[in-house]
Amino acid sequence: MNKFSFFMPTKMVFGPDVVREAGAGLALGKKALIVTGRSSARRSGALDDVLSVLPGEYVVFDQVENNPSVETVIEGGKVAKEEGCDYVLAIGGGSPLDAAKVMAVLAVNDAHPLQLYQDGWQNRALPIVAIPTTAGTGSEVTQYAVLTIAEEQTKKGLGGPDLFPQVAYLDPKYTESLPLDVTIDTAVDALSHLVESYLSQRATEASELPALQGIALWGTTIPALRKKVIDREARAALLLASSLGGIAIAQTGTALVHALGYSLTYYDGLPHGRANGVCMPAYLEYTKTVAPERVDTILELLELPSLAAFGGLMHELFAGIGGTLQLSAETIEHYVTKAMLTKNIKNSLGDPSAEDLARILSRGSDPRS
């Protein structure tokens, strides 16, 4: 057995009405910066639940967009400072949760967000409560935050141990107000985390446990996803699978699927999970050449007979909502060049080359191929 470390400081509380049942214990200080998107926290009912029990003062920052920008987190950090907030409570999908983490840093550090990537930060971030309303990113249990960096024309993650939320409250009912396309996109995002972690160079005996359990749990939701009628039982399974994926990538990071997917989101506007999903079939095909037994394990846990069946599943899930690529050779070369600069590539099994990445993007034009 290999030597490894495993660090997971976030307390998870899972189940119906866990926010209301937390009561005064929801607060981690005297005044909260509540960070949300522009509508999801209210639409899901999560914000109402929080405000019904949260003691002390609070200020709501509800301006986080999809794929949050540097400017947004600067503004949120400024509000936290000016209002004297001593903790952050984040409600939403990956975008509000990730943005809230950076705001928690900026609230107590005089730095531009881009400096954080180079120099880190001196003062520990404010404590964070995370309440996910999507089943996708697993950000509620990771030390990562991903921002859109216009200067570099990409999405880029930063991380630190104090970005782990102190506690995460997971209630599947908060995902019920999601549109169908968002439910599917975020579900596929969760699967990409589980798969990439299990297929990571950094995978350990400990990180593999949540990844494998999460893949198996995700597999139980395939009938509901195919029917595109997702009941609360399936949503609960997806939410837990998403958090298991977060626990797994907190140890390993992600791999080449994310490296390629960032450009598909930045330039082509594909939602993050869909960008990952169109790359995954060809990614698994590539990985089959270097770690066949691991790919076979994934297919077995998903109860899919072949890689062709996996590609067919991705095609079926994205049918009608847009899940194919039409990329020129020049565009593929550009995306591959950017991907090769990321650390995600080094996490991937088999030391993939630029040619390998180009083939994966080319095959992404039809995930059944």
Protein backbone atom coordinates (compact mmCIF):
# COMPACT_ATOMS: atom_id res chain seq x y z
CA MET A 1 0.00 0.00 0.00
CA ASN A 2 1.37 3.41 -0.99
CA LYS A 3 2.03 6.34 1.32
CA PHE A 4 -0.59 9.10 1.10
CA SER A 5 -2.35 11.89 2.99
CA PHE A 6 -6.08 12.59 3.18
CA PHE A 7 -7.51 15.89 4.42
CA MET A 8 -11.27 16.54 4.61
CA PRO A 9 -12.15 19.10 7.29
CA THR A 10 -15.69 19.89 6.11
CA LYS A 11 -18.60 18.66 8.20
CA MET A 12 -21.39 17.37 5.94
CA VAL A 13 -25.02 17.40 7.08
CA PHE A 14 -27.26 15.62 4.56
CA GLY A 15 -31.02 15.19 4.38
CA PRO A 16 -34.37 16.96 4.27
CA ASP A 17 -34.74 20.21 6.20
CA VAL A 18 -31.17 20.16 7.53
CA VAL A 19 -30.89 23.95 7.23
CA ARG A 20 -33.97 24.66 9.33
CA GLU A 21 -32.95 22.00 11.83
CA ALA A 22 -29.52 23.63 12.22
CA GLY A 23 -31.24 26.65 13.70
CA ALA A 24 -28.88 29.06 15.42
CA GLY A 25 -26.04 26.62 14.75
CA LEU A 26 -26.09 27.76 11.14
CA ALA A 27 -24.15 30.88 12.14
CA LEU A 28 -20.36 30.83 12.37
CA GLY A 29 -20.10 34.38 13.64
CA LYS A 30 -22.01 37.56 14.37
CA LYS A 31 -22.61 38.86 10.83
CA ALA A 32 -22.84 36.87 7.61
CA LEU A 33 -22.09 37.79 4.05
CA ILE A 34 -24.72 35.68 2.28
CA VAL A 35 -23.48 35.00 -1.26
CA THR A 36 -25.93 33.80 -3.91
CA GLY A 37 -26.66 33.88 -7.60
CA ARG A 38 -29.27 36.21 -8.97
CA SER A 39 -32.27 33.93 -8.53
CA SER A 40 -31.50 30.28 -7.67
CA ALA A 41 -31.22 30.71 -3.90
CA ARG A 42 -34.66 32.29 -3.73
CA ARG A 43 -36.26 29.99 -6.30
CA SER A 44 -35.03 26.86 -4.53
CA GLY A 45 -36.31 28.00 -1.14
CA ALA A 46 -32.83 27.75 0.38
CA LEU A 47 -32.53 31.47 1.10
CA ASP A 48 -35.91 31.57 2.85
CA ASP A 49 -34.91 28.60 4.98
CA VAL A 50 -31.63 30.28 5.93
CA LEU A 51 -33.24 33.58 6.84
CA SER A 52 -35.93 31.85 8.90
CA VAL A 53 -33.37 30.50 11.38
CA LEU A 54 -30.17 32.52 10.99
CA PRO A 55 -29.38 34.53 14.13
CA GLY A 56 -27.42 37.74 14.08
CA GLU A 57 -26.93 40.23 11.28
CA TYR A 58 -26.39 39.55 7.61
CA VAL A 59 -26.01 41.24 4.23
CA VAL A 60 -26.98 39.55 0.98
CA PHE A 61 -24.69 39.73 -2.06
CA ASP A 62 -26.75 38.26 -4.91
CA GLN A 63 -24.78 39.33 -7.97
CA VAL A 64 -22.79 36.17 -8.75
CA GLU A 65 -23.09 35.22 -12.41
CA ASN A 66 -22.42 31.87 -14.07
CA ASN A 67 -18.65 31.43 -14.34
CA PRO A 68 -17.92 34.23 -11.84
CA SER A 69 -15.56 37.00 -12.83
CA VAL A 70 -12.70 38.69 -11.03
CA GLU A 71 -14.74 41.88 -10.84
CA THR A 72 -17.61 40.13 -9.06
CA VAL A 73 -15.45 38.65 -6.31
CA ILE A 74 -13.71 42.00 -5.82
CA GLU A 75 -17.09 43.63 -5.24
CA GLY A 76 -18.23 40.89 -2.88
CA GLY A 77 -15.02 41.08 -0.86
CA LYS A 78 -15.44 44.85 -0.61
CA VAL A 79 -18.99 44.45 0.72
CA ALA A 80 -17.80 41.94 3.32
CA LYS A 81 -15.11 44.38 4.52
CA GLU A 82 -17.33 47.43 4.60
CA GLU A 83 -20.14 45.59 6.39
CA GLY A 84 -17.84 44.00 8.96
CA CYS A 85 -18.87 40.43 8.11
CA ASP A 86 -17.02 37.75 10.07
CA TYR A 87 -18.18 34.70 8.10
CA VAL A 88 -19.55 33.80 4.67
CA LEU A 89 -22.65 31.76 3.93
CA ALA A 90 -22.81 30.60 0.31
CA ILE A 91 -26.00 29.33 -1.35
CA GLY A 92 -26.15 28.03 -4.91
CA GLY A 93 -24.32 26.02 -7.51
CA GLY A 94 -20.61 25.99 -8.12
CA SER A 95 -20.46 29.62 -9.20
CA PRO A 96 -21.78 31.21 -5.96
CA LEU A 97 -19.90 28.69 -3.82
CA ASP A 98 -16.59 29.28 -5.63
CA ALA A 99 -17.06 33.05 -5.68
CA ALA A 100 -17.88 33.05 -1.96
CA LYS A 101 -14.61 31.32 -1.17
CA VAL A 102 -12.59 34.02 -2.91
CA MET A 103 -14.66 36.74 -1.24
CA ALA A 104 -13.86 35.11 2.10
CA VAL A 105 -10.17 35.60 1.28
CA LEU A 106 -10.51 39.16 -0.03
CA ALA A 107 -12.51 40.21 3.03
CA VAL A 108 -9.39 39.86 5.18
CA ASN A 109 -6.54 40.35 2.69
CA ASP A 110 -5.60 43.45 0.70
CA ALA A 111 -4.92 41.79 -2.62
CA HIS A 112 -6.20 41.61 -6.17
CA PRO A 113 -7.67 38.20 -7.02
CA LEU A 114 -5.04 37.58 -9.69
CA GLN A 115 -2.34 38.00 -7.05
CA LEU A 116 -3.82 35.09 -5.13
CA TYR A 117 -2.88 32.73 -7.95
CA GLN A 118 0.77 33.77 -7.76
CA ASP A 119 1.37 34.66 -4.13
CA GLY A 120 -1.39 33.01 -2.13
CA TRP A 121 -2.66 35.02 0.85
CA GLN A 122 -1.43 35.81 4.34
CA ASN A 123 -4.58 36.02 6.48
CA ARG A 124 -6.82 33.00 6.83
CA ALA A 125 -10.09 33.28 4.90
CA LEU A 126 -13.31 33.92 6.80
CA PRO A 127 -15.11 30.70 7.81
CA ILE A 128 -17.55 29.44 5.20
CA VAL A 129 -20.93 27.70 5.30
CA ALA A 130 -21.91 26.07 1.99
CA ILE A 131 -25.44 25.15 0.90
CA PRO A 132 -25.48 23.66 -2.62
CA THR A 133 -28.56 23.99 -4.80
CA THR A 134 -27.14 21.92 -7.67
CA ALA A 135 -25.73 18.40 -7.74
CA GLY A 136 -22.61 18.99 -9.75
CA THR A 137 -19.47 20.74 -8.60
CA GLY A 138 -19.00 19.34 -5.10
CA SER A 139 -17.56 22.75 -4.21
CA GLU A 140 -19.19 22.47 -0.79
CA VAL A 141 -16.49 19.96 0.22
CA THR A 142 -13.43 21.16 -1.71
CA GLN A 143 -10.63 23.68 -1.21
CA TYR A 144 -10.95 24.92 -4.79
CA ALA A 145 -12.49 28.03 -6.35
CA VAL A 146 -12.68 28.56 -10.10
CA LEU A 147 -12.93 32.02 -11.65
CA THR A 148 -13.18 33.26 -15.22
CA ILE A 149 -9.95 35.10 -16.01
CA ALA A 150 -10.59 37.41 -18.96
CA GLU A 151 -6.91 38.34 -19.24
CA GLU A 152 -6.03 34.71 -19.92
CA GLN A 153 -9.27 33.85 -21.75
CA THR A 154 -9.99 30.83 -19.60
CA LYS A 155 -11.35 29.52 -16.33
CA LYS A 156 -8.74 28.97 -13.67
CA GLY A 157 -8.80 27.41 -10.23
CA LEU A 158 -7.04 28.41 -7.05
CA GLY A 159 -6.97 26.55 -3.78
CA GLY A 160 -5.98 26.60 -0.15
CA PRO A 161 -6.88 24.59 2.95
CA ASP A 162 -8.88 27.47 4.42
CA LEU A 163 -11.20 27.43 1.39
CA PHE A 164 -12.75 24.19 2.59
CA PRO A 165 -16.18 25.18 3.96
CA GLN A 166 -16.40 24.55 7.69
CA VAL A 167 -19.80 22.93 7.25
CA ALA A 168 -21.96 21.97 4.26
CA TYR A 169 -25.74 21.48 4.44
CA LEU A 170 -27.11 19.27 1.68
CA ASP A 171 -30.86 19.11 1.12
CA PRO A 172 -31.96 17.44 -2.15
CA LYS A 173 -35.16 19.50 -2.30
CA TYR A 174 -33.12 22.58 -3.19
CA THR A 175 -32.27 21.00 -6.55
CA GLU A 176 -35.91 20.43 -7.53
CA SER A 177 -36.37 23.92 -8.96
CA LEU A 178 -33.54 23.47 -11.46
CA PRO A 179 -34.42 23.42 -15.16
CA LEU A 180 -33.93 20.03 -16.78
CA ASP A 181 -30.89 21.10 -18.80
CA VAL A 182 -29.13 22.41 -15.68
CA THR A 183 -29.95 19.21 -13.79
CA ILE A 184 -28.36 17.14 -16.57
CA ASP A 185 -25.36 19.44 -17.04
CA THR A 186 -24.54 19.44 -13.35
CA ALA A 187 -25.09 15.70 -13.03
CA VAL A 188 -22.55 15.07 -15.79
CA ASP A 189 -20.16 17.49 -14.09
CA ALA A 190 -20.39 15.36 -10.94
CA LEU A 191 -19.66 12.22 -12.95
CA SER A 192 -16.62 13.86 -14.56
CA HIS A 193 -15.19 14.62 -11.11
CA LEU A 194 -15.68 11.05 -9.96
CA VAL A 195 -14.19 9.56 -13.12
CA GLU A 196 -11.24 11.95 -13.39
CA SER A 197 -10.35 11.45 -9.74
CA TYR A 198 -10.39 7.67 -10.06
CA LEU A 199 -8.27 7.93 -13.22
CA SER A 200 -5.84 10.44 -11.73
CA GLN A 201 -2.10 10.00 -11.33
CA ARG A 202 -2.66 11.22 -7.77
CA ALA A 203 -5.35 8.68 -6.87
CA THR A 204 -4.76 6.80 -3.62
CA GLU A 205 -6.45 3.95 -1.82
CA ALA A 206 -8.34 6.55 0.23
CA SER A 207 -9.42 8.84 -2.64
CA GLU A 208 -10.61 5.86 -4.67
CA LEU A 209 -13.20 4.92 -2.04
CA PRO A 210 -15.45 7.98 -2.43
CA ALA A 211 -14.86 8.02 -6.20
CA LEU A 212 -15.96 4.43 -6.69
CA GLN A 213 -18.92 4.77 -4.31
CA GLY A 214 -19.95 7.95 -6.09
CA ILE A 215 -19.75 6.36 -9.55
CA ALA A 216 -21.91 3.45 -8.40
CA LEU A 217 -24.43 5.83 -6.80
CA TRP A 218 -24.49 8.00 -9.93
CA GLY A 219 -25.17 4.89 -11.97
CA THR A 220 -28.42 4.27 -10.07
CA THR A 221 -29.77 7.56 -11.48
CA ILE A 222 -29.21 6.67 -15.16
CA PRO A 223 -32.83 5.45 -15.72
CA ALA A 224 -34.21 8.71 -14.31
CA LEU A 225 -31.75 10.81 -16.31
CA ARG A 226 -32.62 8.94 -19.48
CA LYS A 227 -36.36 9.46 -18.91
CA LYS A 228 -35.56 13.08 -18.00
CA VAL A 229 -37.95 12.75 -15.08
CA ILE A 230 -35.81 13.11 -11.97
CA ASP A 231 -37.63 12.51 -8.71
CA ARG A 232 -36.38 13.39 -5.23
CA GLU A 233 -34.82 9.96 -4.70
CA ALA A 234 -32.71 10.37 -7.82
CA ARG A 235 -31.88 13.94 -6.84
CA ALA A 236 -30.71 12.78 -3.42
CA ALA A 237 -28.45 10.20 -5.06
CA LEU A 238 -27.05 12.81 -7.45
CA LEU A 239 -26.43 15.29 -4.65
CA LEU A 240 -24.56 12.76 -2.55
CA ALA A 241 -22.63 11.51 -5.60
CA SER A 242 -21.66 15.10 -6.34
CA SER A 243 -20.29 15.59 -2.83
CA LEU A 244 -18.42 12.29 -3.03
CA GLY A 245 -16.89 13.59 -6.24
CA GLY A 246 -15.88 16.77 -4.43
CA ILE A 247 -14.28 14.73 -1.64
CA ALA A 248 -12.38 12.72 -4.26
CA ILE A 249 -11.06 15.66 -6.30
CA ALA A 250 -10.14 17.49 -3.10
CA GLN A 251 -7.44 14.82 -2.81
CA THR A 252 -6.50 14.36 -6.48
CA GLY A 253 -7.58 17.35 -8.52
CA THR A 254 -9.16 16.90 -11.94
CA ALA A 255 -7.58 15.76 -15.19
CA LEU A 256 -7.54 16.49 -18.90
CA VAL A 257 -11.32 16.61 -19.35
CA HIS A 258 -11.41 19.79 -17.28
CA ALA A 259 -8.36 21.19 -19.06
CA LEU A 260 -10.18 20.89 -22.40
CA GLY A 261 -13.58 21.81 -21.02
CA TYR A 262 -12.50 25.23 -19.80
CA SER A 263 -12.00 26.48 -23.36
CA LEU A 264 -15.29 24.99 -24.51
CA THR A 265 -17.02 26.99 -21.79
CA TYR A 266 -15.05 30.22 -22.23
CA TYR A 267 -15.12 30.43 -26.03
CA ASP A 268 -18.14 28.35 -27.05
CA GLY A 269 -20.46 28.96 -24.13
CA LEU A 270 -21.02 25.31 -23.27
CA PRO A 271 -22.10 24.85 -19.65
CA HIS A 272 -19.25 23.36 -17.65
CA GLY A 273 -20.76 19.92 -17.16
CA ARG A 274 -21.75 19.64 -20.81
CA ALA A 275 -18.27 20.67 -21.91
CA ASN A 276 -16.88 17.85 -19.79
CA GLY A 277 -19.50 15.40 -20.99
CA VAL A 278 -18.74 15.78 -24.67
CA CYS A 279 -15.07 15.03 -23.97
CA MET A 280 -15.53 12.09 -21.59
CA PRO A 281 -16.26 9.29 -24.09
CA ALA A 282 -13.07 9.92 -26.07
CA TYR A 283 -11.18 10.50 -22.81
CA LEU A 284 -12.22 7.06 -21.57
CA GLU A 285 -11.29 5.57 -24.92
CA TYR A 286 -7.82 7.11 -24.61
CA THR A 287 -7.47 5.96 -20.99
CA LYS A 288 -8.52 2.45 -21.98
CA THR A 289 -5.20 2.19 -23.83
CA VAL A 290 -3.17 2.88 -20.66
CA ALA A 291 -5.40 1.65 -17.79
CA PRO A 292 -7.98 -0.74 -19.26
CA GLU A 293 -8.92 -2.33 -15.95
CA ARG A 294 -9.83 1.03 -14.45
CA VAL A 295 -12.04 2.00 -17.37
CA ASP A 296 -13.70 -1.41 -17.19
CA THR A 297 -14.39 -0.83 -13.48
CA ILE A 298 -16.13 2.47 -14.26
CA LEU A 299 -18.32 0.86 -16.92
CA GLU A 300 -19.17 -2.01 -14.57
CA LEU A 301 -20.21 0.34 -11.78
CA LEU A 302 -22.38 2.31 -14.22
CA GLU A 303 -23.82 -0.98 -15.53
CA LEU A 304 -22.88 -0.04 -19.08
CA PRO A 305 -21.62 -2.81 -21.37
CA SER A 306 -19.07 -0.83 -23.39
CA LEU A 307 -17.46 2.49 -24.15
CA ALA A 308 -19.87 2.80 -27.07
CA ALA A 309 -22.73 2.55 -24.57
CA PHE A 310 -21.14 5.30 -22.46
CA GLY A 311 -20.89 7.54 -25.52
CA GLY A 312 -24.47 6.75 -26.37
CA LEU A 313 -25.55 7.73 -22.87
CA MET A 314 -23.85 11.12 -23.14
CA HIS A 315 -25.45 11.68 -26.55
CA GLU A 316 -28.86 10.70 -25.18
CA LEU A 317 -28.60 12.97 -22.15
CA PHE A 318 -27.65 16.00 -24.21
CA ALA A 319 -30.12 15.35 -27.04
CA GLY A 320 -32.28 18.40 -27.53
CA ILE A 321 -30.19 20.68 -25.31
CA GLY A 322 -27.02 20.85 -27.40
CA GLY A 323 -24.08 18.58 -26.78
CA THR A 324 -21.99 18.30 -29.93
CA LEU A 325 -18.94 20.21 -31.09
CA GLN A 326 -18.22 21.83 -34.41
CA LEU A 327 -14.59 22.84 -34.08
CA SER A 328 -12.16 23.73 -36.84
CA ALA A 329 -8.64 22.31 -36.87
CA GLU A 330 -7.32 25.73 -35.91
CA THR A 331 -9.70 25.98 -32.96
CA ILE A 332 -8.76 22.53 -31.74
CA GLU A 333 -5.08 23.43 -31.92
CA HIS A 334 -5.73 26.61 -29.92
CA TYR A 335 -7.70 24.78 -27.21
CA VAL A 336 -5.10 22.03 -26.97
CA THR A 337 -2.29 24.57 -26.60
CA LYS A 338 -4.11 26.19 -23.68
CA ALA A 339 -4.92 22.83 -22.10
CA MET A 340 -1.32 21.65 -22.25
CA LEU A 341 -0.34 24.57 -20.01
CA THR A 342 -2.54 23.37 -17.15
CA LYS A 343 -1.57 21.12 -14.27
CA ASN A 344 -4.64 19.00 -15.03
CA ILE A 345 -2.74 17.30 -17.84
CA LYS A 346 -0.08 16.07 -15.43
CA ASN A 347 -2.81 14.49 -13.32
CA SER A 348 -3.92 12.35 -16.28
CA LEU A 349 -2.83 8.75 -16.73
CA GLY A 350 -0.58 7.92 -19.66
CA ASP A 351 1.22 11.24 -20.11
CA PRO A 352 -1.19 12.47 -22.83
CA SER A 353 0.30 14.40 -25.74
CA ALA A 354 -1.09 17.33 -27.68
CA GLU A 355 -2.05 14.85 -30.40
CA ASP A 356 -4.02 12.82 -27.86
CA LEU A 357 -5.92 15.90 -26.73
CA ALA A 358 -6.64 16.91 -30.32
CA ARG A 359 -8.11 13.48 -31.01
CA ILE A 360 -10.31 13.74 -27.92
CA LEU A 361 -11.69 17.11 -29.04
CA SER A 362 -12.17 15.85 -32.59
CA ARG A 363 -14.10 12.83 -31.36
CA GLY A 364 -16.18 15.09 -29.14
CA SER A 365 -18.08 16.21 -32.22
CA ASP A 366 -20.11 13.00 -31.74
CA PRO A 367 -19.80 11.26 -28.36
CA ARG A 368 -21.18 8.03 -29.90
CA SER A 369 -18.22 7.74 -32.29
